[in-house]
C-alpha atoms as a PDB file:
ATOM      1  CA  UNK A   1      50.119  33.126   8.811  1.00  0.00           C
ATOM      2  CA  UNK A   2      49.620  33.067  12.602  1.00  0.00           C
ATOM      3  CA  UNK A   3      45.850  33.271  12.104  1.00  0.00           C
ATOM      4  CA  UNK A   4      45.997  30.343   9.657  1.00  0.00           C
ATOM      5  CA  UNK A   5      47.994  28.171  12.119  1.00  0.00           C
ATOM      6  CA  UNK A   6      45.529  29.076  14.863  1.00  0.00           C
ATOM      7  CA  UNK A   7      42.597  28.123  12.622  1.00  0.00           C
ATOM      8  CA  UNK A   8      44.127  24.741  11.710  1.00  0.00           C
ATOM      9  CA  UNK A   9      44.936  23.998  15.355  1.00  0.00           C
ATOM     10  CA  UNK A  10      41.403  24.863  16.401  1.00  0.00           C
ATOM     11  CA  UNK A  11      39.957  22.670  13.601  1.00  0.00           C
ATOM     12  CA  UNK A  12      42.054  19.679  14.668  1.00  0.00           C
ATOM     13  CA  UNK A  13      41.069  20.089  18.307  1.00  0.00           C
ATOM     14  CA  UNK A  14      37.386  20.368  17.354  1.00  0.00           C
ATOM     15  CA  UNK A  15      37.540  17.231  15.201  1.00  0.00           C
ATOM     16  CA  UNK A  16      39.258  15.305  17.967  1.00  0.00           C
ATOM     17  CA  UNK A  17      36.643  16.411  20.468  1.00  0.00           C
ATOM     18  CA  UNK A  18      33.794  15.358  18.170  1.00  0.00           C
ATOM     19  CA  UNK A  19      35.360  11.934  17.606  1.00  0.00           C
ATOM     20  CA  UNK A  20      35.966  11.481  21.322  1.00  0.00           C
ATOM     21  CA  UNK A  21      32.376  12.444  22.039  1.00  0.00           C
ATOM     22  CA  UNK A  22      31.093   9.928  19.512  1.00  0.00           C
ATOM     23  CA  UNK A  23      33.161   7.161  21.109  1.00  0.00           C
ATOM     24  CA  UNK A  24      32.041   8.200  24.571  1.00  0.00           C
ATOM     25  CA  UNK A  25      28.343   8.282  23.790  1.00  0.00           C
ATOM     26  CA  UNK A  26      28.342   5.358  21.356  1.00  0.00           C
ATOM     27  CA  UNK A  27      27.479   7.486  18.327  1.00  0.00           C
ATOM     28  CA  UNK A  28      28.563   6.543  14.836  1.00  0.00           C
ATOM     29  CA  UNK A  29      28.559   8.104  11.428  1.00  0.00           C
ATOM     30  CA  UNK A  30      25.047   7.561   9.940  1.00  0.00           C
ATOM     31  CA  UNK A  31      26.628   6.063   6.822  1.00  0.00           C
ATOM     32  CA  UNK A  32      28.066   3.191   8.854  1.00  0.00           C
ATOM     33  CA  UNK A  33      24.935   2.444  10.850  1.00  0.00           C
ATOM     34  CA  UNK A  34      23.513   0.142   8.171  1.00  0.00           C
ATOM     35  CA  UNK A  35      24.162  -3.543   8.573  1.00  0.00           C
ATOM     36  CA  UNK A  36      24.491  -3.952   4.816  1.00  0.00           C
ATOM     37  CA  UNK A  37      25.487  -1.467   2.101  1.00  0.00           C
ATOM     38  CA  UNK A  38      23.066  -0.503  -0.604  1.00  0.00           C
ATOM     39  CA  UNK A  39      22.794  -3.290  -3.140  1.00  0.00           C
ATOM     40  CA  UNK A  40      24.574  -2.313  -6.321  1.00  0.00           C
ATOM     41  CA  UNK A  41      25.192  -4.699  -9.205  1.00  0.00           C
ATOM     42  CA  UNK A  42      23.743  -7.440  -6.978  1.00  0.00           C
ATOM     43  CA  UNK A  43      20.043  -7.871  -7.833  1.00  0.00           C
ATOM     44  CA  UNK A  44      17.563  -9.903  -5.831  1.00  0.00           C
ATOM     45  CA  UNK A  45      14.047 -11.234  -6.362  1.00  0.00           C
ATOM     46  CA  UNK A  46      11.675 -12.671  -3.758  1.00  0.00           C
ATOM     47  CA  UNK A  47       8.208 -14.159  -4.138  1.00  0.00           C
ATOM     48  CA  UNK A  48       5.472 -15.856  -2.140  1.00  0.00           C
ATOM     49  CA  UNK A  49       5.122 -19.616  -1.696  1.00  0.00           C
ATOM     50  CA  UNK A  50       7.184 -22.599  -2.820  1.00  0.00           C
ATOM     51  CA  UNK A  51       6.245 -22.226  -6.463  1.00  0.00           C
ATOM     52  CA  UNK A  52       7.878 -18.815  -6.331  1.00  0.00           C
ATOM     53  CA  UNK A  53      11.219 -20.571  -6.764  1.00  0.00           C
ATOM     54  CA  UNK A  54      10.437 -21.405 -10.385  1.00  0.00           C
ATOM     55  CA  UNK A  55       9.018 -17.937 -10.930  1.00  0.00           C
ATOM     56  CA  UNK A  56      12.175 -16.400  -9.474  1.00  0.00           C
ATOM     57  CA  UNK A  57      14.290 -18.386 -11.909  1.00  0.00           C
ATOM     58  CA  UNK A  58      12.366 -16.872 -14.812  1.00  0.00           C
ATOM     59  CA  UNK A  59      12.767 -13.397 -13.335  1.00  0.00           C
ATOM     60  CA  UNK A  60      16.485 -14.003 -12.930  1.00  0.00           C
ATOM     61  CA  UNK A  61      16.947 -14.466 -16.672  1.00  0.00           C
ATOM     62  CA  UNK A  62      16.388 -10.710 -16.809  1.00  0.00           C
ATOM     63  CA  UNK A  63      17.794  -9.553 -13.460  1.00  0.00           C
ATOM     64  CA  UNK A  64      20.961 -11.619 -13.812  1.00  0.00           C
ATOM     65  CA  UNK A  65      21.795  -9.814 -17.042  1.00  0.00           C
ATOM     66  CA  UNK A  66      21.362  -6.364 -15.551  1.00  0.00           C
ATOM     67  CA  UNK A  67      17.776  -5.988 -16.747  1.00  0.00           C
ATOM     68  CA  UNK A  68      15.002  -3.900 -15.265  1.00  0.00           C
ATOM     69  CA  UNK A  69      13.104  -5.120 -12.224  1.00  0.00           C
ATOM     70  CA  UNK A  70       9.763  -4.341 -13.899  1.00  0.00           C
ATOM     71  CA  UNK A  71      10.482  -6.704 -16.793  1.00  0.00           C
ATOM     72  CA  UNK A  72      11.729  -9.340 -14.373  1.00  0.00           C
ATOM     73  CA  UNK A  73       8.674  -9.426 -12.111  1.00  0.00           C
ATOM     74  CA  UNK A  74       6.304  -9.587 -15.067  1.00  0.00           C
ATOM     75  CA  UNK A  75       8.185 -12.490 -16.612  1.00  0.00           C
ATOM     76  CA  UNK A  76       8.482 -14.224 -13.255  1.00  0.00           C
ATOM     77  CA  UNK A  77       4.818 -14.312 -12.316  1.00  0.00           C
ATOM     78  CA  UNK A  78       3.841 -15.365 -15.829  1.00  0.00           C
ATOM     79  CA  UNK A  79       5.195 -18.822 -14.933  1.00  0.00           C
ATOM     80  CA  UNK A  80       2.467 -19.738 -12.397  1.00  0.00           C
ATOM     81  CA  UNK A  81      -0.121 -17.896 -14.486  1.00  0.00           C
ATOM     82  CA  UNK A  82       0.497 -20.359 -17.327  1.00  0.00           C
ATOM     83  CA  UNK A  83       0.674 -23.466 -15.104  1.00  0.00           C
ATOM     84  CA  UNK A  84      -2.648 -25.385 -15.275  1.00  0.00           C
ATOM     85  CA  UNK A  85      -1.677 -27.355 -12.175  1.00  0.00           C
ATOM     86  CA  UNK A  86      -1.510 -24.223 -10.056  1.00  0.00           C
ATOM     87  CA  UNK A  87      -5.150 -23.771  -9.084  1.00  0.00           C
ATOM     88  CA  UNK A  88      -4.792 -20.362  -7.513  1.00  0.00           C
ATOM     89  CA  UNK A  89      -3.187 -18.366 -10.322  1.00  0.00           C
ATOM     90  CA  UNK A  90      -4.153 -17.910 -13.974  1.00  0.00           C
ATOM     91  CA  UNK A  91      -4.920 -20.911 -16.172  1.00  0.00           C
ATOM     92  CA  UNK A  92      -6.553 -23.672 -14.130  1.00  0.00           C
ATOM     93  CA  UNK A  93      -7.476 -21.370 -11.284  1.00  0.00           C
ATOM     94  CA  UNK A  94     -10.478 -22.462  -9.225  1.00  0.00           C
ATOM     95  CA  UNK A  95     -13.654 -20.736 -10.422  1.00  0.00           C
ATOM     96  CA  UNK A  96     -16.183 -18.648  -8.571  1.00  0.00           C
ATOM     97  CA  UNK A  97     -19.568 -20.045  -7.473  1.00  0.00           C
ATOM     98  CA  UNK A  98     -20.879 -19.684 -11.018  1.00  0.00           C
ATOM     99  CA  UNK A  99     -18.033 -21.681 -12.528  1.00  0.00           C
ATOM    100  CA  UNK A 100     -16.263 -18.638 -13.990  1.00  0.00           C
ATOM    101  CA  UNK A 101     -12.514 -18.188 -13.580  1.00  0.00           C
ATOM    102  CA  UNK A 102     -11.800 -14.525 -12.835  1.00  0.00           C
ATOM    103  CA  UNK A 103      -8.315 -13.121 -12.406  1.00  0.00           C
ATOM    104  CA  UNK A 104      -6.909 -10.178 -10.451  1.00  0.00           C
ATOM    105  CA  UNK A 105      -3.437  -8.687 -10.935  1.00  0.00           C
ATOM    106  CA  UNK A 106      -1.384  -5.544 -10.465  1.00  0.00           C
ATOM    107  CA  UNK A 107       2.105  -4.282 -11.239  1.00  0.00           C
ATOM    108  CA  UNK A 108       4.108  -1.283 -10.010  1.00  0.00           C
ATOM    109  CA  UNK A 109       7.461   0.184 -11.017  1.00  0.00           C
ATOM    110  CA  UNK A 110      10.129   2.393  -9.449  1.00  0.00           C
ATOM    111  CA  UNK A 111       8.407   5.617 -10.526  1.00  0.00           C
ATOM    112  CA  UNK A 112       5.062   5.011  -8.746  1.00  0.00           C
ATOM    113  CA  UNK A 113       3.537   4.010 -12.065  1.00  0.00           C
ATOM    114  CA  UNK A 114       1.068   1.173 -11.636  1.00  0.00           C
ATOM    115  CA  UNK A 115      -1.579  -0.815 -13.462  1.00  0.00           C
ATOM    116  CA  UNK A 116      -4.234  -3.271 -12.395  1.00  0.00           C
ATOM    117  CA  UNK A 117      -7.036  -5.537 -13.608  1.00  0.00           C
ATOM    118  CA  UNK A 118      -9.775  -7.166 -11.584  1.00  0.00           C
ATOM    119  CA  UNK A 119     -12.398  -9.803 -12.347  1.00  0.00           C
ATOM    120  CA  UNK A 120     -10.758 -10.409 -15.723  1.00  0.00           C
ATOM    121  CA  UNK A 121     -11.902 -13.511 -17.628  1.00  0.00           C
ATOM    122  CA  UNK A 122     -10.487 -15.481 -20.571  1.00  0.00           C
ATOM    123  CA  UNK A 123      -6.929 -14.103 -20.522  1.00  0.00           C
ATOM    124  CA  UNK A 124      -4.119 -16.193 -19.032  1.00  0.00           C
ATOM    125  CA  UNK A 125      -1.593 -13.456 -18.376  1.00  0.00           C
ATOM    126  CA  UNK A 126      -3.508 -10.944 -16.317  1.00  0.00           C
ATOM    127  CA  UNK A 127      -0.218  -9.396 -15.204  1.00  0.00           C
ATOM    128  CA  UNK A 128       0.611  -8.377 -18.767  1.00  0.00           C
ATOM    129  CA  UNK A 129      -2.795  -6.781 -19.193  1.00  0.00           C
ATOM    130  CA  UNK A 130      -2.180  -4.887 -15.941  1.00  0.00           C
ATOM    131  CA  UNK A 131       1.133  -3.631 -17.280  1.00  0.00           C
ATOM    132  CA  UNK A 132      -0.544  -2.505 -20.475  1.00  0.00           C
ATOM    133  CA  UNK A 133      -3.128  -0.592 -18.432  1.00  0.00           C
ATOM    134  CA  UNK A 134      -0.199   1.126 -16.712  1.00  0.00           C
ATOM    135  CA  UNK A 135       1.638   1.965 -19.914  1.00  0.00           C
ATOM    136  CA  UNK A 136      -1.156   2.636 -22.415  1.00  0.00           C
ATOM    137  CA  UNK A 137      -3.940   4.300 -20.425  1.00  0.00           C
ATOM    138  CA  UNK A 138      -4.316   7.217 -18.011  1.00  0.00           C
ATOM    139  CA  UNK A 139      -5.957   4.818 -15.540  1.00  0.00           C
ATOM    140  CA  UNK A 140      -4.723   2.493 -12.817  1.00  0.00           C
ATOM    141  CA  UNK A 141      -7.432  -0.192 -12.823  1.00  0.00           C
ATOM    142  CA  UNK A 142      -9.785  -1.794 -15.340  1.00  0.00           C
ATOM    143  CA  UNK A 143     -12.330  -4.416 -14.289  1.00  0.00           C
ATOM    144  CA  UNK A 144     -14.628  -7.079 -15.676  1.00  0.00           C
ATOM    145  CA  UNK A 145     -15.863  -6.735 -19.237  1.00  0.00           C
ATOM    146  CA  UNK A 146     -13.948  -3.487 -19.664  1.00  0.00           C
ATOM    147  CA  UNK A 147     -10.682  -5.180 -18.766  1.00  0.00           C
ATOM    148  CA  UNK A 148     -11.414  -8.016 -21.193  1.00  0.00           C
ATOM    149  CA  UNK A 149     -12.353  -5.617 -23.978  1.00  0.00           C
ATOM    150  CA  UNK A 150      -9.117  -3.698 -23.444  1.00  0.00           C
ATOM    151  CA  UNK A 151      -7.078  -6.911 -23.472  1.00  0.00           C
ATOM    152  CA  UNK A 152      -8.627  -8.206 -26.688  1.00  0.00           C
ATOM    153  CA  UNK A 153      -8.215  -4.843 -28.396  1.00  0.00           C
ATOM    154  CA  UNK A 154      -4.542  -4.990 -27.554  1.00  0.00           C
ATOM    155  CA  UNK A 155      -3.848  -8.409 -28.989  1.00  0.00           C
ATOM    156  CA  UNK A 156      -4.455 -10.780 -26.100  1.00  0.00           C
ATOM    157  CA  UNK A 157      -5.986 -14.135 -26.959  1.00  0.00           C
ATOM    158  CA  UNK A 158      -9.358 -15.172 -25.532  1.00  0.00           C
ATOM    159  CA  UNK A 159      -9.353 -18.701 -24.144  1.00  0.00           C
ATOM    160  CA  UNK A 160     -11.028 -20.990 -21.633  1.00  0.00           C
ATOM    161  CA  UNK A 161      -9.255 -20.878 -18.269  1.00  0.00           C
ATOM    162  CA  UNK A 162     -11.381 -23.571 -16.586  1.00  0.00           C
ATOM    163  CA  UNK A 163      -9.464 -26.850 -16.771  1.00  0.00           C
ATOM    164  CA  UNK A 164     -11.114 -30.252 -16.435  1.00  0.00           C
ATOM    165  CA  UNK A 165      -9.622 -30.692 -12.959  1.00  0.00           C
ATOM    166  CA  UNK A 166     -10.904 -27.386 -11.620  1.00  0.00           C
ATOM    167  CA  UNK A 167     -14.301 -27.894 -13.235  1.00  0.00           C
ATOM    168  CA  UNK A 168     -14.647 -31.342 -11.657  1.00  0.00           C
ATOM    169  CA  UNK A 169     -13.834 -29.964  -8.192  1.00  0.00           C
ATOM    170  CA  UNK A 170     -16.293 -27.106  -8.624  1.00  0.00           C
ATOM    171  CA  UNK A 171     -19.136 -29.471  -9.609  1.00  0.00           C
ATOM    172  CA  UNK A 172     -18.388 -31.621  -6.580  1.00  0.00           C
ATOM    173  CA  UNK A 173     -18.519 -28.527  -4.367  1.00  0.00           C
ATOM    174  CA  UNK A 174     -21.891 -27.552  -5.835  1.00  0.00           C
ATOM    175  CA  UNK A 175     -23.510 -30.699  -4.422  1.00  0.00           C
ATOM    176  CA  UNK A 176     -23.416 -29.364  -0.879  1.00  0.00           C
ATOM    177  CA  UNK A 177     -22.775 -25.636  -1.231  1.00  0.00           C
ATOM    178  CA  UNK A 178     -25.225 -22.890  -0.390  1.00  0.00           C
ATOM    179  CA  UNK A 179     -25.281 -19.740  -2.490  1.00  0.00           C
ATOM    180  CA  UNK A 180     -24.390 -17.270   0.200  1.00  0.00           C
ATOM    181  CA  UNK A 181     -21.143 -15.879   1.587  1.00  0.00           C
ATOM    182  CA  UNK A 182     -19.464 -18.432   3.818  1.00  0.00           C
ATOM    183  CA  UNK A 183     -16.941 -17.272   6.380  1.00  0.00           C
ATOM    184  CA  UNK A 184     -13.494 -18.743   5.777  1.00  0.00           C
ATOM    185  CA  UNK A 185     -14.714 -20.813   2.841  1.00  0.00           C
ATOM    186  CA  UNK A 186     -11.157 -21.891   2.045  1.00  0.00           C
ATOM    187  CA  UNK A 187     -11.224 -24.239   5.020  1.00  0.00           C
ATOM    188  CA  UNK A 188     -13.878 -26.441   3.432  1.00  0.00           C
ATOM    189  CA  UNK A 189     -11.468 -27.425   0.670  1.00  0.00           C
ATOM    190  CA  UNK A 190      -9.024 -30.329   0.826  1.00  0.00           C
ATOM    191  CA  UNK A 191      -5.560 -28.892   1.349  1.00  0.00           C
ATOM    192  CA  UNK A 192      -7.084 -25.556   2.291  1.00  0.00           C
ATOM    193  CA  UNK A 193      -3.726 -23.975   3.108  1.00  0.00           C
ATOM    194  CA  UNK A 194      -3.078 -24.018  -0.626  1.00  0.00           C
ATOM    195  CA  UNK A 195      -6.378 -22.453  -1.650  1.00  0.00           C
ATOM    196  CA  UNK A 196      -5.348 -18.847  -2.021  1.00  0.00           C
ATOM    197  CA  UNK A 197      -1.713 -19.030  -2.999  1.00  0.00           C
ATOM    198  CA  UNK A 198      -1.499 -15.679  -4.715  1.00  0.00           C
ATOM    199  CA  UNK A 199       1.945 -15.056  -6.120  1.00  0.00           C
ATOM    200  CA  UNK A 200       3.400 -11.731  -5.118  1.00  0.00           C
ATOM    201  CA  UNK A 201       6.899 -10.863  -6.329  1.00  0.00           C
ATOM    202  CA  UNK A 202       9.190  -7.915  -5.684  1.00  0.00           C
ATOM    203  CA  UNK A 203      12.651  -7.321  -7.090  1.00  0.00           C
ATOM    204  CA  UNK A 204      15.634  -4.998  -6.808  1.00  0.00           C
ATOM    205  CA  UNK A 205      17.704  -4.715  -9.977  1.00  0.00           C
ATOM    206  CA  UNK A 206      21.375  -3.951 -10.612  1.00  0.00           C
ATOM    207  CA  UNK A 207      20.580  -0.262 -11.039  1.00  0.00           C
ATOM    208  CA  UNK A 208      19.102  -0.140  -7.546  1.00  0.00           C
ATOM    209  CA  UNK A 209      15.507   0.182  -8.735  1.00  0.00           C
ATOM    210  CA  UNK A 210      12.535  -1.811  -7.480  1.00  0.00           C
ATOM    211  CA  UNK A 211       9.315  -3.158  -8.972  1.00  0.00           C
ATOM    212  CA  UNK A 212       6.622  -5.607  -7.948  1.00  0.00           C
ATOM    213  CA  UNK A 213       3.848  -7.787  -9.352  1.00  0.00           C
ATOM    214  CA  UNK A 214       0.936  -9.684  -7.862  1.00  0.00           C
ATOM    215  CA  UNK A 215      -1.492 -12.056  -9.607  1.00  0.00           C
ATOM    216  CA  UNK A 216      -4.173 -14.566  -8.555  1.00  0.00           C
ATOM    217  CA  UNK A 217      -7.431 -16.266  -9.459  1.00  0.00           C
ATOM    218  CA  UNK A 218      -8.704 -15.320  -6.026  1.00  0.00           C
ATOM    219  CA  UNK A 219     -10.610 -17.250  -3.424  1.00  0.00           C
ATOM    220  CA  UNK A 220     -12.178 -20.466  -4.680  1.00  0.00           C
ATOM    221  CA  UNK A 221     -15.979 -20.436  -5.168  1.00  0.00           C
ATOM    222  CA  UNK A 222     -16.241 -16.768  -4.265  1.00  0.00           C
ATOM    223  CA  UNK A 223     -19.315 -14.756  -5.215  1.00  0.00           C
ATOM    224  CA  UNK A 224     -18.998 -13.656  -8.816  1.00  0.00           C
ATOM    225  CA  UNK A 225     -17.450 -10.214  -8.895  1.00  0.00           C
ATOM    226  CA  UNK A 226     -15.554 -10.598  -5.623  1.00  0.00           C
ATOM    227  CA  UNK A 227     -12.169  -8.878  -5.685  1.00  0.00           C
ATOM    228  CA  UNK A 228      -9.485  -9.393  -3.064  1.00  0.00           C
ATOM    229  CA  UNK A 229      -6.366  -7.451  -2.211  1.00  0.00           C
ATOM    230  CA  UNK A 230      -4.161  -8.681  -5.062  1.00  0.00           C
ATOM    231  CA  UNK A 231      -5.052  -6.034  -7.692  1.00  0.00           C
ATOM    232  CA  UNK A 232      -5.282  -3.176  -5.208  1.00  0.00           C
ATOM    233  CA  UNK A 233      -2.203  -0.970  -5.035  1.00  0.00           C
ATOM    234  CA  UNK A 234      -1.318  -0.497  -1.372  1.00  0.00           C
ATOM    235  CA  UNK A 235      -3.121  -3.648  -0.251  1.00  0.00           C
ATOM    236  CA  UNK A 236      -1.725  -6.596  -2.212  1.00  0.00           C
ATOM    237  CA  UNK A 237       1.361  -4.755  -3.447  1.00  0.00           C
ATOM    238  CA  UNK A 238       3.240  -1.530  -2.906  1.00  0.00           C
ATOM    239  CA  UNK A 239       6.590  -0.242  -4.165  1.00  0.00           C
ATOM    240  CA  UNK A 240       8.422   2.829  -2.909  1.00  0.00           C
ATOM    241  CA  UNK A 241      11.786   3.125  -4.603  1.00  0.00           C
ATOM    242  CA  UNK A 242      13.190   5.172  -1.727  1.00  0.00           C
ATOM    243  CA  UNK A 243      12.378   2.571   0.905  1.00  0.00           C
ATOM    244  CA  UNK A 244      11.367  -0.879  -0.321  1.00  0.00           C
ATOM    245  CA  UNK A 245       8.483  -3.007  -1.507  1.00  0.00           C
ATOM    246  CA  UNK A 246       5.977  -5.421  -0.018  1.00  0.00           C
ATOM    247  CA  UNK A 247       3.349  -7.896  -1.141  1.00  0.00           C
ATOM    248  CA  UNK A 248       0.800 -10.137   0.523  1.00  0.00           C
ATOM    249  CA  UNK A 249      -1.023 -13.429   0.251  1.00  0.00           C
ATOM    250  CA  UNK A 250      -3.996 -14.991   1.992  1.00  0.00           C
ATOM    251  CA  UNK A 251      -7.497 -13.753   2.684  1.00  0.00           C
ATOM    252  CA  UNK A 252      -7.601 -10.447   0.846  1.00  0.00           C
ATOM    253  CA  UNK A 253     -10.413  -8.903   2.837  1.00  0.00           C
ATOM    254  CA  UNK A 254      -8.178  -8.808   5.923  1.00  0.00           C
ATOM    255  CA  UNK A 255      -5.308  -7.249   3.965  1.00  0.00           C
ATOM    256  CA  UNK A 256      -7.542  -4.580   2.422  1.00  0.00           C
ATOM    257  CA  UNK A 257      -8.827  -3.528   5.843  1.00  0.00           C
ATOM    258  CA  UNK A 258      -5.346  -2.485   6.963  1.00  0.00           C
ATOM    259  CA  UNK A 259      -3.957  -1.496   3.519  1.00  0.00           C
ATOM    260  CA  UNK A 260      -1.338  -4.087   4.345  1.00  0.00           C
ATOM    261  CA  UNK A 261       1.488  -3.754   1.839  1.00  0.00           C
ATOM    262  CA  UNK A 262       1.570   0.024   2.107  1.00  0.00           C
ATOM    263  CA  UNK A 263       1.640  -0.331   5.875  1.00  0.00           C
ATOM    264  CA  UNK A 264       4.661  -2.642   5.687  1.00  0.00           C
ATOM    265  CA  UNK A 265       6.545  -0.195   3.467  1.00  0.00           C
ATOM    266  CA  UNK A 266       5.764   2.719   5.761  1.00  0.00           C
ATOM    267  CA  UNK A 267       6.996   0.750   8.766  1.00  0.00           C
ATOM    268  CA  UNK A 268      10.242   0.093   6.892  1.00  0.00           C
ATOM    269  CA  UNK A 269      10.438   3.838   6.232  1.00  0.00           C
ATOM    270  CA  UNK A 270      10.401   4.317  10.000  1.00  0.00           C
ATOM    271  CA  UNK A 271      13.486   2.121  10.253  1.00  0.00           C
ATOM    272  CA  UNK A 272      12.082  -1.361  10.796  1.00  0.00           C
ATOM    273  CA  UNK A 273      13.717  -4.290   9.039  1.00  0.00           C
ATOM    274  CA  UNK A 274      11.451  -6.202   6.603  1.00  0.00           C
ATOM    275  CA  UNK A 275      10.567  -9.066   8.937  1.00  0.00           C
ATOM    276  CA  UNK A 276       9.666  -6.773  11.820  1.00  0.00           C
ATOM    277  CA  UNK A 277       7.565  -4.581   9.524  1.00  0.00           C
ATOM    278  CA  UNK A 278       5.689  -7.645   8.255  1.00  0.00           C
ATOM    279  CA  UNK A 279       5.130  -8.845  11.809  1.00  0.00           C
ATOM    280  CA  UNK A 280       3.707  -5.480  12.880  1.00  0.00           C
ATOM    281  CA  UNK A 281       1.255  -5.563   9.974  1.00  0.00           C
ATOM    282  CA  UNK A 282       0.129  -9.067  10.915  1.00  0.00           C
ATOM    283  CA  UNK A 283      -0.277  -7.989  14.526  1.00  0.00           C
ATOM    284  CA  UNK A 284      -2.545  -5.178  13.386  1.00  0.00           C
ATOM    285  CA  UNK A 285      -4.882  -7.740  11.816  1.00  0.00           C
ATOM    286  CA  UNK A 286      -4.929  -9.614  15.115  1.00  0.00           C
ATOM    287  CA  UNK A 287      -5.596  -6.447  17.107  1.00  0.00           C
ATOM    288  CA  UNK A 288      -8.442  -5.451  14.816  1.00  0.00           C
ATOM    289  CA  UNK A 289     -10.263  -8.777  15.172  1.00  0.00           C
ATOM    290  CA  UNK A 290      -8.529 -11.523  17.204  1.00  0.00           C
ATOM    291  CA  UNK A 291     -11.274 -14.104  16.684  1.00  0.00           C
ATOM    292  CA  UNK A 292     -11.248 -13.762  12.908  1.00  0.00           C
ATOM    293  CA  UNK A 293      -7.449 -13.714  12.769  1.00  0.00           C
ATOM    294  CA  UNK A 294      -7.287 -17.209  14.245  1.00  0.00           C
ATOM    295  CA  UNK A 295      -9.439 -18.602  11.450  1.00  0.00           C
ATOM    296  CA  UNK A 296      -7.680 -17.267   8.342  1.00  0.00           C
ATOM    297  CA  UNK A 297      -4.234 -17.001   6.798  1.00  0.00           C
ATOM    298  CA  UNK A 298      -2.467 -13.820   5.770  1.00  0.00           C
ATOM    299  CA  UNK A 299       1.211 -13.457   5.014  1.00  0.00           C
ATOM    300  CA  UNK A 300       3.373 -10.457   4.143  1.00  0.00           C
ATOM    301  CA  UNK A 301       6.689 -10.460   2.305  1.00  0.00           C
ATOM    302  CA  UNK A 302       9.003  -7.455   2.023  1.00  0.00           C
ATOM    303  CA  UNK A 303      12.307  -6.299   0.547  1.00  0.00           C
ATOM    304  CA  UNK A 304      14.109  -3.073   1.385  1.00  0.00           C
ATOM    305  CA  UNK A 305      16.546  -0.963  -0.626  1.00  0.00           C
ATOM    306  CA  UNK A 306      19.516  -2.553   1.121  1.00  0.00           C
ATOM    307  CA  UNK A 307      18.553  -5.978  -0.205  1.00  0.00           C
ATOM    308  CA  UNK A 308      17.305  -7.223   3.169  1.00  0.00           C
ATOM    309  CA  UNK A 309      14.134  -9.331   3.054  1.00  0.00           C
ATOM    310  CA  UNK A 310      11.708 -10.852   5.505  1.00  0.00           C
ATOM    311  CA  UNK A 311       8.215 -12.251   5.980  1.00  0.00           C
ATOM    312  CA  UNK A 312       5.608 -12.951   8.648  1.00  0.00           C
ATOM    313  CA  UNK A 313       2.219 -14.653   8.713  1.00  0.00           C
ATOM    314  CA  UNK A 314      -0.831 -15.244  10.860  1.00  0.00           C
ATOM    315  CA  UNK A 315      -0.559 -19.032  10.674  1.00  0.00           C
ATOM    316  CA  UNK A 316       2.314 -21.444  10.209  1.00  0.00           C
ATOM    317  CA  UNK A 317       2.856 -22.696   6.683  1.00  0.00           C
ATOM    318  CA  UNK A 318       3.599 -19.544   4.709  1.00  0.00           C
ATOM    319  CA  UNK A 319       6.722 -19.990   2.599  1.00  0.00           C
ATOM    320  CA  UNK A 320       8.608 -17.667   0.288  1.00  0.00           C
ATOM    321  CA  UNK A 321      11.354 -18.011  -2.302  1.00  0.00           C
ATOM    322  CA  UNK A 322      14.520 -15.944  -2.648  1.00  0.00           C
ATOM    323  CA  UNK A 323      17.059 -15.667  -5.448  1.00  0.00           C
ATOM    324  CA  UNK A 324      20.120 -13.466  -5.744  1.00  0.00           C
ATOM    325  CA  UNK A 325      23.724 -13.956  -6.805  1.00  0.00           C
ATOM    326  CA  UNK A 326      24.463 -16.353  -3.937  1.00  0.00           C
ATOM    327  CA  UNK A 327      21.114 -17.748  -2.743  1.00  0.00           C
ATOM    328  CA  UNK A 328      18.310 -19.710  -4.353  1.00  0.00           C
ATOM    329  CA  UNK A 329      16.063 -21.245  -1.752  1.00  0.00           C
ATOM    330  CA  UNK A 330      12.656 -21.451  -0.113  1.00  0.00           C
ATOM    331  CA  UNK A 331      12.171 -20.259   3.464  1.00  0.00           C
ATOM    332  CA  UNK A 332       9.341 -20.601   5.976  1.00  0.00           C
ATOM    333  CA  UNK A 333       8.030 -17.466   7.618  1.00  0.00           C
ATOM    334  CA  UNK A 334       7.476 -17.086  11.330  1.00  0.00           C
ATOM    335  CA  UNK A 335       3.864 -16.835  12.436  1.00  0.00           C
ATOM    336  CA  UNK A 336       1.678 -15.456  15.199  1.00  0.00           C
ATOM    337  CA  UNK A 337      -0.266 -18.686  15.681  1.00  0.00           C
ATOM    338  CA  UNK A 338       1.564 -22.005  15.826  1.00  0.00           C
ATOM    339  CA  UNK A 339       0.235 -25.521  16.060  1.00  0.00           C
END
């Protein structure tokens, strides 16, 4: 009995000393260090650009009912894909130099499963083809004619994606264009800031799982066969269910060079909040080539497992949409270069 009382007394003294030491040196229990608790039964979806607000609403019809993030992001990005007035995604997208509308898309779930298509023609919902690649094949990416063949064999409808508006603009561009790569070609277009408005979307569902989707018609009047970052896992999109997810928009070549979305996720793994991680990725583009960075736009958007989100861009003007149980709004990201 005496030994038991001595043990209890020693335990109490030890606990008191540990607590006093924590107060003295400013230490806290690791569980309480987080600003926000893990999101549970409180899903959230975020996406690039103003038109992401409508896409988020579609995603919320699944997330708000406790559905899976993967289903939500697919349904969400299908909205701009089917909008003929959105000339950077899906139907109505601006064509390449040969007048052909080619689409790039990828999707990734909470289990590192992913699917992708690149240079896909004649199918509006490239994101759904990408998901089918993920779920029905042993591959990650299909491209060009192979991607189209796969889509048609799996029930997708072949249709003309070049609308009258986009065709008219392309023919006007042909009057003065030269058939060679042109640096920063997006700046020759009216409203150039809206030229490559890829939609990237990431979501956290009520079960605490994450998924992401990214889809685009790519850079206007590109060389036929050009592929940007959007369908490349790790560049245009990356999901790590332990840490968070990130996506990108802008000139894909710059994102590919730094494997941007994967970089953002890894920086969050190191403890950075989403906005800081996005900023560090943007700064890496600047460090790599300061002159080029001043001439193009790239933006990153990220969401971590705690439901915190953030964005950063090279140039002013990058916006992103957020929807959860209490917020539905569009925000403007901070940028390296300001007017």
